Amino acid sequence: MTRKIGKFAGIGAAFAAGLIVGPLVAAWAQDSGRSDTYRMLNLFTDVFERVRADYVEPINDRDAIENAINGMLQGLDPHSSYMNARNFRDMQVQTRGEFGGLGIEVTQEGGYIKVISPIDDTPAAKAGVKPGDLITHLNGNSVQGLTLQEAVEQMRGERGSTIKITIRREGEQKPIDLSLTRDVIRPQVVRFRLEGNDVAYVRVTSFNEQTDAGLRRAISEMRRQAGNTLKGVILDLRNNPGGLLDQAVQVSDDFLEQGEIVSTRARRPEDSQRWNAKPGDITGGLPVVVLINAGSASASEIVAGALQDHRRAVLMGQKSFGKGSVQTVMPLPGNGAIRLTTARYYTPSGRSIQATGIEPDIEVQATRTDASNASAQRDREADLRRSLRHEDTARVPTPPLPPLNLPAGIREKVQSQPAEGAPAFDPTKPETDFQLQQALGFLRDWASAQPAQRRAAQ
């Protein structure tokens, strides 16, 4: 199984007279519940036979049953679903780091397909698809009535084939039509460069089987290029929708010498798990800044939460998406697989960020619009229909995080939003990335205040 990174009413008044009924009541309740379940299964069979016999056109039995299964799973939460054999194969290919299609991470909302994040250097990103866009039509046909899997399947296809998508975007009066040419998506999940020969910048776009190895290569190469002049590392997790849990654990471990990374708590206590760091920090203890925003979800939040709780890094940017659940992919021999939410995950301090997200240590808006226009705020996990609730921590409050303990004055130098009239963000021009520029200035000030031996760490 692959881990992805997703009460009984009291009987009370009936026995208020103080009768002791004990095992007899329990057995009766259990038998009654089983009878209700069998009755509802019979109802499903009756409906299925009625549809087969009387629907206006002949139906495909497999499609009908798969749709019913998918409806059951999607009724649980936004991240549980059924994958037929083809979708399951596609998912396996995707986690290996290669898949065909447009290159967008999507969810479903209000009957439409909502873009969580386009993947860098894919047809969707190059065409200008943005996080928060609602895809309303595919090749002129409404997506209303399609399941998420059906819509994704339509967007996939052979390399070189084209598809027209219609999107609705916040702030735009008219729908936007885009024509995209499908490609084999081999996202470079780790991108890196030296900033000014003294700061290692690493952008991680998703967590697949290539992520940890890519991060290690990136850090090794930049340390070789910079020599002893490297002052720190910026780990950019903005708009990273997540991926494999084990990769999030390994990436976190790359920066930690010891301690818990993440734990998961399932329905049954015996299914809960905990992961701890092993000795070895690939940066040699250099200062680290992690950039996050509302598109940082799931595995990204595991990494951000672990490094924040251990005070190994300073988090900068905007509150993350808030997906604190774990999905387990369970193969069904010959019939695809189900993706089922099986646990919540918790940061080392015991925080569940489900439906709340991770707050940055230092908030920095990407644009002035983010700060002044509430309607421009992106939806998060808590805004999705049927999202898991955040566990009530009132009974066992989460202990506060230790103080940042930063050198005096450097935090105050960080600007929370761009100046009026600042140039618009251009992905090809790092100098227009306000959050990145603030992180660079902060990191250099932080590193300069460290003892000389820390600055020269190998």
Foldseek 3Di string as FASTA:
>chain_A
DFKKQADDDDPPPVCVVPDDPPPVVVVVVVVVVVVVVVVVVVVVVVVLVCCCVDPPDHDDSVVVVQVVQQVVQCVQAFFWGFDFAVRQVQVVCVLQQKHKFFAFDWTDFPQWIFTLQGFPPGQCVVQPPGHGKTWQDKQRHGSRPPHPVRVRVSRGDDAQDKIWTWIDDPPDPDIDITITGMHIGRGPQWDWDDDVLAEIEIEGQEFHPCRLVSVLVSLVVSCVSSPLRHQYYEYEQELRQYTGQVSLLSVLLQADAWAWQKKKDFPDRVPIGTDMHHGHHSNLLHEYEYEYEQNRGRSSQSSVLQCVLVLSYFYEEAFYQQRFWMWDWAQDVNTGTITHTTTGMAGRLGDGSHLPGDGGPYYAYQAVCVVPPPSPGHHGQVPHPNGDDGDDCPVPPRDDGDDSPAPPPLSVVQDRHDDPPQDDDDVVDVVSRNRVVSVVSSSVVRSVPDPPCNSSRD
